[in-house]
Amino acid sequence: MAASKIAITIDDNLLKQLDYMVKSMGFPNRSKAIQEAVADKLKRLERTRLARECAKLDPDYEQNMAEEGFSMEIDEWPEY
């Protein structure tokens, strides 16, 4: 996987916390810890976006769409 080098500015207290996390959680370096933190945050934001989009759906419409053609198929289902 290709990687790009960037420069960031970070608050001194946050940097101390980062250094402590690198030592205590076994990260090989700051870069790896920051990379994993950014990836985690992006995943969380994506899940939040999905939840917001799902909240826009009309449950009755979605139910009707899911059941469209269902009545025709039910006669073809085997009896258990």
PDB file of N, CA and C in Angstrom:
ATOM      1  N   MET A   1       0.848  -1.174   0.000  1.00  0.00           N
ATOM      2  CA  MET A   1       0.000   0.000   0.000  1.00  0.00           C
ATOM      3  C   MET A   1       0.893   1.235   0.000  1.00  0.00           C
ATOM      4  N   ALA A   2       0.599   2.162  -0.872  1.00  0.00           N
ATOM      5  CA  ALA A   2       1.357   3.405  -0.935  1.00  0.00           C
ATOM      6  C   ALA A   2       1.016   4.279   0.257  1.00  0.00           C
ATOM      7  N   ALA A   3       1.975   5.051   0.697  1.00  0.00           N
ATOM      8  CA  ALA A   3       1.766   5.957   1.825  1.00  0.00           C
ATOM      9  C   ALA A   3       2.304   7.324   1.456  1.00  0.00           C
ATOM     10  N   SER A   4       1.708   8.341   2.056  1.00  0.00           N
ATOM     11  CA  SER A   4       2.141   9.715   1.825  1.00  0.00           C
ATOM     12  C   SER A   4       2.583  10.322   3.141  1.00  0.00           C
ATOM     13  N   LYS A   5       3.591  11.123   3.075  1.00  0.00           N
ATOM     14  CA  LYS A   5       4.091  11.796   4.260  1.00  0.00           C
ATOM     15  C   LYS A   5       3.396  13.148   4.363  1.00  0.00           C
ATOM     16  N   ILE A   6       2.913  13.481   5.580  1.00  0.00           N
ATOM     17  CA  ILE A   6       2.271  14.767   5.820  1.00  0.00           C
ATOM     18  C   ILE A   6       2.865  15.383   7.077  1.00  0.00           C
ATOM     19  N   ALA A   7       2.628  16.651   7.262  1.00  0.00           N
ATOM     20  CA  ALA A   7       3.039  17.338   8.486  1.00  0.00           C
ATOM     21  C   ALA A   7       1.784  17.853   9.173  1.00  0.00           C
ATOM     22  N   ILE A   8       1.718  17.708  10.493  1.00  0.00           N
ATOM     23  CA  ILE A   8       0.565  18.207  11.239  1.00  0.00           C
ATOM     24  C   ILE A   8       1.058  19.036  12.420  1.00  0.00           C
ATOM     25  N   THR A   9       0.188  19.883  12.897  1.00  0.00           N
ATOM     26  CA  THR A   9       0.442  20.635  14.120  1.00  0.00           C
ATOM     27  C   THR A   9      -0.482  20.061  15.176  1.00  0.00           C
ATOM     28  N   ILE A  10       0.063  19.774  16.351  1.00  0.00           N
ATOM     29  CA  ILE A  10      -0.725  19.128  17.395  1.00  0.00           C
ATOM     30  C   ILE A  10      -0.449  19.806  18.737  1.00  0.00           C
ATOM     31  N   ASP A  11      -1.476  19.945  19.525  1.00  0.00           N
ATOM     32  CA  ASP A  11      -1.384  20.549  20.849  1.00  0.00           C
ATOM     33  C   ASP A  11      -0.418  19.744  21.726  1.00  0.00           C
ATOM     34  N   ASP A  12       0.364  20.434  22.572  1.00  0.00           N
ATOM     35  CA  ASP A  12       1.358  19.762  23.420  1.00  0.00           C
ATOM     36  C   ASP A  12       0.737  18.696  24.321  1.00  0.00           C
ATOM     37  N   ASN A  13      -0.411  18.997  24.925  1.00  0.00           N
ATOM     38  CA  ASN A  13      -1.049  18.009  25.809  1.00  0.00           C
ATOM     39  C   ASN A  13      -1.512  16.786  25.025  1.00  0.00           C
ATOM     40  N   LEU A  14      -2.027  17.013  23.845  1.00  0.00           N
ATOM     41  CA  LEU A  14      -2.456  15.907  23.000  1.00  0.00           C
ATOM     42  C   LEU A  14      -1.260  15.065  22.576  1.00  0.00           C
ATOM     43  N   LEU A  15      -0.140  15.711  22.303  1.00  0.00           N
ATOM     44  CA  LEU A  15       1.072  14.988  21.929  1.00  0.00           C
ATOM     45  C   LEU A  15       1.568  14.113  23.086  1.00  0.00           C
ATOM     46  N   LYS A  16       1.487  14.628  24.296  1.00  0.00           N
ATOM     47  CA  LYS A  16       1.883  13.827  25.463  1.00  0.00           C
ATOM     48  C   LYS A  16       0.994  12.596  25.592  1.00  0.00           C
ATOM     49  N   GLN A  17      -0.295  12.787  25.385  1.00  0.00           N
ATOM     50  CA  GLN A  17      -1.220  11.653  25.444  1.00  0.00           C
ATOM     51  C   GLN A  17      -0.918  10.650  24.339  1.00  0.00           C
ATOM     52  N   LEU A  18      -0.601  11.155  23.165  1.00  0.00           N
ATOM     53  CA  LEU A  18      -0.257  10.290  22.048  1.00  0.00           C
ATOM     54  C   LEU A  18       0.995   9.478  22.358  1.00  0.00           C
ATOM     55  N   ASP A  19       2.020  10.131  22.867  1.00  0.00           N
ATOM     56  CA  ASP A  19       3.255   9.424  23.213  1.00  0.00           C
ATOM     57  C   ASP A  19       3.012   8.360  24.272  1.00  0.00           C
ATOM     58  N   TYR A  20       2.174   8.659  25.255  1.00  0.00           N
ATOM     59  CA  TYR A  20       1.849   7.679  26.284  1.00  0.00           C
ATOM     60  C   TYR A  20       1.118   6.490  25.657  1.00  0.00           C
ATOM     61  N   MET A  21       0.190   6.777  24.758  1.00  0.00           N
ATOM     62  CA  MET A  21      -0.558   5.712  24.090  1.00  0.00           C
ATOM     63  C   MET A  21       0.372   4.839  23.243  1.00  0.00           C
ATOM     64  N   VAL A  22       1.322   5.475  22.554  1.00  0.00           N
ATOM     65  CA  VAL A  22       2.265   4.713  21.726  1.00  0.00           C
ATOM     66  C   VAL A  22       3.042   3.740  22.600  1.00  0.00           C
ATOM     67  N   LYS A  23       3.518   4.208  23.739  1.00  0.00           N
ATOM     68  CA  LYS A  23       4.292   3.335  24.643  1.00  0.00           C
ATOM     69  C   LYS A  23       3.427   2.265  25.286  1.00  0.00           C
ATOM     70  N   SER A  24       2.272   2.654  25.795  1.00  0.00           N
ATOM     71  CA  SER A  24       1.460   1.717  26.579  1.00  0.00           C
ATOM     72  C   SER A  24       0.693   0.717  25.729  1.00  0.00           C
ATOM     73  N   MET A  25       0.364   1.078  24.500  1.00  0.00           N
ATOM     74  CA  MET A  25      -0.438   0.180  23.663  1.00  0.00           C
ATOM     75  C   MET A  25       0.393  -0.544  22.618  1.00  0.00           C
ATOM     76  N   GLY A  26       1.690  -0.321  22.630  1.00  0.00           N
ATOM     77  CA  GLY A  26       2.572  -1.084  21.755  1.00  0.00           C
ATOM     78  C   GLY A  26       2.599  -0.665  20.302  1.00  0.00           C
ATOM     79  N   PHE A  27       2.211   0.566  20.014  1.00  0.00           N
ATOM     80  CA  PHE A  27       2.349   1.039  18.641  1.00  0.00           C
ATOM     81  C   PHE A  27       3.828   1.191  18.319  1.00  0.00           C
ATOM     82  N   PRO A  28       4.231   0.915  17.099  1.00  0.00           N
ATOM     83  CA  PRO A  28       5.653   1.027  16.761  1.00  0.00           C
ATOM     84  C   PRO A  28       6.134   2.479  16.714  1.00  0.00           C
ATOM     85  N   ASN A  29       5.198   3.410  16.437  1.00  0.00           N
ATOM     86  CA  ASN A  29       5.581   4.819  16.359  1.00  0.00           C
ATOM     87  C   ASN A  29       4.329   5.688  16.351  1.00  0.00           C
ATOM     88  N   ARG A  30       4.540   6.998  16.400  1.00  0.00           N
ATOM     89  CA  ARG A  30       3.424   7.950  16.384  1.00  0.00           C
ATOM     90  C   ARG A  30       2.620   7.838  15.096  1.00  0.00           C
ATOM     91  N   SER A  31       3.319   7.681  13.990  1.00  0.00           N
ATOM     92  CA  SER A  31       2.637   7.638  12.695  1.00  0.00           C
ATOM     93  C   SER A  31       1.596   6.524  12.642  1.00  0.00           C
ATOM     94  N   LYS A  32       1.970   5.349  13.127  1.00  0.00           N
ATOM     95  CA  LYS A  32       1.043   4.214  13.098  1.00  0.00           C
ATOM     96  C   LYS A  32      -0.146   4.472  14.009  1.00  0.00           C
ATOM     97  N   ALA A  33       0.091   5.060  15.172  1.00  0.00           N
ATOM     98  CA  ALA A  33      -1.002   5.362  16.101  1.00  0.00           C
ATOM     99  C   ALA A  33      -1.963   6.379  15.486  1.00  0.00           C
ATOM    100  N   ILE A  34      -1.423   7.414  14.873  1.00  0.00           N
ATOM    101  CA  ILE A  34      -2.264   8.432  14.248  1.00  0.00           C
ATOM    102  C   ILE A  34      -3.017   7.848  13.061  1.00  0.00           C
ATOM    103  N   GLN A  35      -2.353   7.028  12.277  1.00  0.00           N
ATOM    104  CA  GLN A  35      -2.999   6.400  11.122  1.00  0.00           C
ATOM    105  C   GLN A  35      -4.205   5.568  11.561  1.00  0.00           C
ATOM    106  N   GLU A  36      -4.030   4.770  12.611  1.00  0.00           N
ATOM    107  CA  GLU A  36      -5.140   3.948  13.093  1.00  0.00           C
ATOM    108  C   GLU A  36      -6.258   4.799  13.678  1.00  0.00           C
ATOM    109  N   ALA A  37      -5.908   5.891  14.353  1.00  0.00           N
ATOM    110  CA  ALA A  37      -6.920   6.777  14.927  1.00  0.00           C
ATOM    111  C   ALA A  37      -7.741   7.446  13.820  1.00  0.00           C
ATOM    112  N   VAL A  38      -7.089   7.889  12.773  1.00  0.00           N
ATOM    113  CA  VAL A  38      -7.791   8.526  11.655  1.00  0.00           C
ATOM    114  C   VAL A  38      -8.692   7.515  10.953  1.00  0.00           C
ATOM    115  N   ALA A  39      -8.189   6.309  10.727  1.00  0.00           N
ATOM    116  CA  ALA A  39      -8.996   5.266  10.079  1.00  0.00           C
ATOM    117  C   ALA A  39     -10.235   4.950  10.916  1.00  0.00           C
ATOM    118  N   ASP A  40     -10.064   4.843  12.230  1.00  0.00           N
ATOM    119  CA  ASP A  40     -11.192   4.566  13.126  1.00  0.00           C
ATOM    120  C   ASP A  40     -12.218   5.695  13.071  1.00  0.00           C
ATOM    121  N   LYS A  41     -11.753   6.920  13.096  1.00  0.00           N
ATOM    122  CA  LYS A  41     -12.668   8.070  13.050  1.00  0.00           C
ATOM    123  C   LYS A  41     -13.436   8.101  11.736  1.00  0.00           C
ATOM    124  N   LEU A  42     -12.768   7.826  10.633  1.00  0.00           N
ATOM    125  CA  LEU A  42     -13.440   7.813   9.332  1.00  0.00           C
ATOM    126  C   LEU A  42     -14.509   6.726   9.265  1.00  0.00           C
ATOM    127  N   LYS A  43     -14.225   5.557   9.839  1.00  0.00           N
ATOM    128  CA  LYS A  43     -15.224   4.475   9.876  1.00  0.00           C
ATOM    129  C   LYS A  43     -16.438   4.897  10.685  1.00  0.00           C
ATOM    130  N   ARG A  44     -16.189   5.548  11.830  1.00  0.00           N
ATOM    131  CA  ARG A  44     -17.296   5.997  12.673  1.00  0.00           C
ATOM    132  C   ARG A  44     -18.145   7.039  11.956  1.00  0.00           C
ATOM    133  N   LEU A  45     -17.507   7.963  11.263  1.00  0.00           N
ATOM    134  CA  LEU A  45     -18.249   8.980  10.519  1.00  0.00           C
ATOM    135  C   LEU A  45     -19.082   8.350   9.417  1.00  0.00           C
ATOM    136  N   GLU A  46     -18.546   7.344   8.760  1.00  0.00           N
ATOM    137  CA  GLU A  46     -19.281   6.664   7.696  1.00  0.00           C
ATOM    138  C   GLU A  46     -20.519   5.970   8.257  1.00  0.00           C
ATOM    139  N   ARG A  47     -20.389   5.313   9.414  1.00  0.00           N
ATOM    140  CA  ARG A  47     -21.550   4.660  10.033  1.00  0.00           C
ATOM    141  C   ARG A  47     -22.603   5.694  10.422  1.00  0.00           C
ATOM    142  N   THR A  48     -22.162   6.845  10.898  1.00  0.00           N
ATOM    143  CA  THR A  48     -23.090   7.903  11.269  1.00  0.00           C
ATOM    144  C   THR A  48     -23.829   8.405  10.042  1.00  0.00           C
ATOM    145  N   ARG A  49     -23.112   8.566   8.932  1.00  0.00           N
ATOM    146  CA  ARG A  49     -23.736   9.021   7.693  1.00  0.00           C
ATOM    147  C   ARG A  49     -24.770   8.007   7.224  1.00  0.00           C
ATOM    148  N   LEU A  50     -24.446   6.731   7.313  1.00  0.00           N
ATOM    149  CA  LEU A  50     -25.388   5.689   6.909  1.00  0.00           C
ATOM    150  C   LEU A  50     -26.642   5.739   7.777  1.00  0.00           C
ATOM    151  N   ALA A  51     -26.477   5.930   9.069  1.00  0.00           N
ATOM    152  CA  ALA A  51     -27.629   6.013   9.964  1.00  0.00           C
ATOM    153  C   ALA A  51     -28.503   7.219   9.622  1.00  0.00           C
ATOM    154  N   ARG A  52     -27.887   8.351   9.297  1.00  0.00           N
ATOM    155  CA  ARG A  52     -28.657   9.544   8.915  1.00  0.00           C
ATOM    156  C   ARG A  52     -29.445   9.291   7.632  1.00  0.00           C
ATOM    157  N   GLU A  53     -28.820   8.630   6.676  1.00  0.00           N
ATOM    158  CA  GLU A  53     -29.504   8.341   5.421  1.00  0.00           C
ATOM    159  C   GLU A  53     -30.649   7.359   5.638  1.00  0.00           C
ATOM    160  N   CYS A  54     -30.440   6.357   6.478  1.00  0.00           N
ATOM    161  CA  CYS A  54     -31.493   5.376   6.755  1.00  0.00           C
ATOM    162  C   CYS A  54     -32.681   6.026   7.460  1.00  0.00           C
ATOM    163  N   ALA A  55     -32.402   7.031   8.288  1.00  0.00           N
ATOM    164  CA  ALA A  55     -33.479   7.724   8.997  1.00  0.00           C
ATOM    165  C   ALA A  55     -34.388   8.478   8.034  1.00  0.00           C
ATOM    166  N   LYS A  56     -33.911   8.788   6.854  1.00  0.00           N
ATOM    167  CA  LYS A  56     -34.703   9.504   5.859  1.00  0.00           C
ATOM    168  C   LYS A  56     -35.702   8.593   5.141  1.00  0.00           C
ATOM    169  N   LEU A  57     -35.539   7.296   5.262  1.00  0.00           N
ATOM    170  CA  LEU A  57     -36.399   6.355   4.546  1.00  0.00           C
ATOM    171  C   LEU A  57     -37.803   6.332   5.135  1.00  0.00           C
ATOM    172  N   ASP A  58     -38.789   6.142   4.281  1.00  0.00           N
ATOM    173  CA  ASP A  58     -40.177   6.014   4.699  1.00  0.00           C
ATOM    174  C   ASP A  58     -40.450   4.527   4.942  1.00  0.00           C
ATOM    175  N   PRO A  59     -40.681   4.132   6.197  1.00  0.00           N
ATOM    176  CA  PRO A  59     -40.863   2.704   6.504  1.00  0.00           C
ATOM    177  C   PRO A  59     -42.010   2.057   5.734  1.00  0.00           C
ATOM    178  N   ASP A  60     -43.118   2.760   5.565  1.00  0.00           N
ATOM    179  CA  ASP A  60     -44.256   2.172   4.844  1.00  0.00           C
ATOM    180  C   ASP A  60     -43.908   1.922   3.379  1.00  0.00           C
ATOM    181  N   TYR A  61     -43.253   2.890   2.763  1.00  0.00           N
ATOM    182  CA  TYR A  61     -42.844   2.733   1.363  1.00  0.00           C
ATOM    183  C   TYR A  61     -41.869   1.569   1.220  1.00  0.00           C
ATOM    184  N   GLU A  62     -40.898   1.506   2.111  1.00  0.00           N
ATOM    185  CA  GLU A  62     -39.900   0.430   2.052  1.00  0.00           C
ATOM    186  C   GLU A  62     -40.554  -0.931   2.257  1.00  0.00           C
ATOM    187  N   GLN A  63     -41.529  -1.016   3.162  1.00  0.00           N
ATOM    188  CA  GLN A  63     -42.245  -2.266   3.402  1.00  0.00           C
ATOM    189  C   GLN A  63     -43.001  -2.685   2.153  1.00  0.00           C
ATOM    190  N   ASN A  64     -43.680  -1.737   1.523  1.00  0.00           N
ATOM    191  CA  ASN A  64     -44.425  -2.036   0.296  1.00  0.00           C
ATOM    192  C   ASN A  64     -43.494  -2.498  -0.819  1.00  0.00           C
ATOM    193  N   MET A  65     -42.355  -1.850  -0.940  1.00  0.00           N
ATOM    194  CA  MET A  65     -41.393  -2.249  -1.963  1.00  0.00           C
ATOM    195  C   MET A  65     -40.863  -3.656  -1.688  1.00  0.00           C
ATOM    196  N   ALA A  66     -40.615  -3.970  -0.432  1.00  0.00           N
ATOM    197  CA  ALA A  66     -40.089  -5.287  -0.069  1.00  0.00           C
ATOM    198  C   ALA A  66     -41.107  -6.384  -0.354  1.00  0.00           C
ATOM    199  N   GLU A  67     -42.381  -6.056  -0.210  1.00  0.00           N
ATOM    200  CA  GLU A  67     -43.429  -7.053  -0.399  1.00  0.00           C
ATOM    201  C   GLU A  67     -43.995  -7.071  -1.821  1.00  0.00           C
ATOM    202  N   GLU A  68     -43.504  -6.205  -2.691  1.00  0.00           N
ATOM    203  CA  GLU A  68     -44.003  -6.145  -4.063  1.00  0.00           C
ATOM    204  C   GLU A  68     -43.787  -7.496  -4.751  1.00  0.00           C
ATOM    205  N   GLY A  69     -44.840  -8.046  -5.279  1.00  0.00           N
ATOM    206  CA  GLY A  69     -44.756  -9.331  -5.956  1.00  0.00           C
ATOM    207  C   GLY A  69     -44.743 -10.514  -5.011  1.00  0.00           C
ATOM    208  N   PHE A  70     -44.741 -10.256  -3.725  1.00  0.00           N
ATOM    209  CA  PHE A  70     -44.672 -11.325  -2.727  1.00  0.00           C
ATOM    210  C   PHE A  70     -45.911 -12.214  -2.769  1.00  0.00           C
ATOM    211  N   SER A  71     -47.073 -11.606  -2.969  1.00  0.00           N
ATOM    212  CA  SER A  71     -48.314 -12.391  -2.956  1.00  0.00           C
ATOM    213  C   SER A  71     -48.337 -13.411  -4.088  1.00  0.00           C
ATOM    214  N   MET A  72     -47.709 -13.098  -5.215  1.00  0.00           N
ATOM    215  CA  MET A  72     -47.670 -14.041  -6.323  1.00  0.00           C
ATOM    216  C   MET A  72     -46.727 -15.206  -6.017  1.00  0.00           C
ATOM    217  N   GLU A  73     -45.659 -14.929  -5.300  1.00  0.00           N
ATOM    218  CA  GLU A  73     -44.655 -15.948  -5.019  1.00  0.00           C
ATOM    219  C   GLU A  73     -45.064 -16.895  -3.899  1.00  0.00           C
ATOM    220  N   ILE A  74     -45.904 -16.451  -2.989  1.00  0.00           N
ATOM    221  CA  ILE A  74     -46.212 -17.246  -1.809  1.00  0.00           C
ATOM    222  C   ILE A  74     -46.860 -18.579  -2.171  1.00  0.00           C
ATOM    223  N   ASP A  75     -47.582 -18.610  -3.272  1.00  0.00           N
ATOM    224  CA  ASP A  75     -48.223 -19.863  -3.712  1.00  0.00           C
ATOM    225  C   ASP A  75     -47.179 -20.864  -4.206  1.00  0.00           C
ATOM    226  N   GLU A  76     -46.011 -20.384  -4.601  1.00  0.00           N
ATOM    227  CA  GLU A  76     -44.970 -21.263  -5.127  1.00  0.00           C
ATOM    228  C   GLU A  76     -44.083 -21.834  -4.021  1.00  0.00           C
ATOM    229  N   TRP A  77     -44.212 -21.338  -2.788  1.00  0.00           N
ATOM    230  CA  TRP A  77     -43.356 -21.791  -1.701  1.00  0.00           C
ATOM    231  C   TRP A  77     -43.784 -23.171  -1.224  1.00  0.00           C
ATOM    232  N   PRO A  78     -42.828 -24.038  -0.900  1.00  0.00           N
ATOM    233  CA  PRO A  78     -43.209 -25.363  -0.406  1.00  0.00           C
ATOM    234  C   PRO A  78     -43.812 -25.259   0.992  1.00  0.00           C
ATOM    235  N   GLU A  79     -44.705 -26.151   1.307  1.00  0.00           N
ATOM    236  CA  GLU A  79     -45.322 -26.157   2.628  1.00  0.00           C
ATOM    237  C   GLU A  79     -44.435 -26.940   3.589  1.00  0.00           C
ATOM    238  N   TYR A  80     -44.223 -26.398   4.772  1.00  0.00           N
ATOM    239  CA  TYR A  80     -43.357 -27.057   5.780  1.00  0.00           C
ATOM    240  C   TYR A  80     -44.178 -27.641   6.878  1.00  0.00           C
TER     241      TYR A  80
END
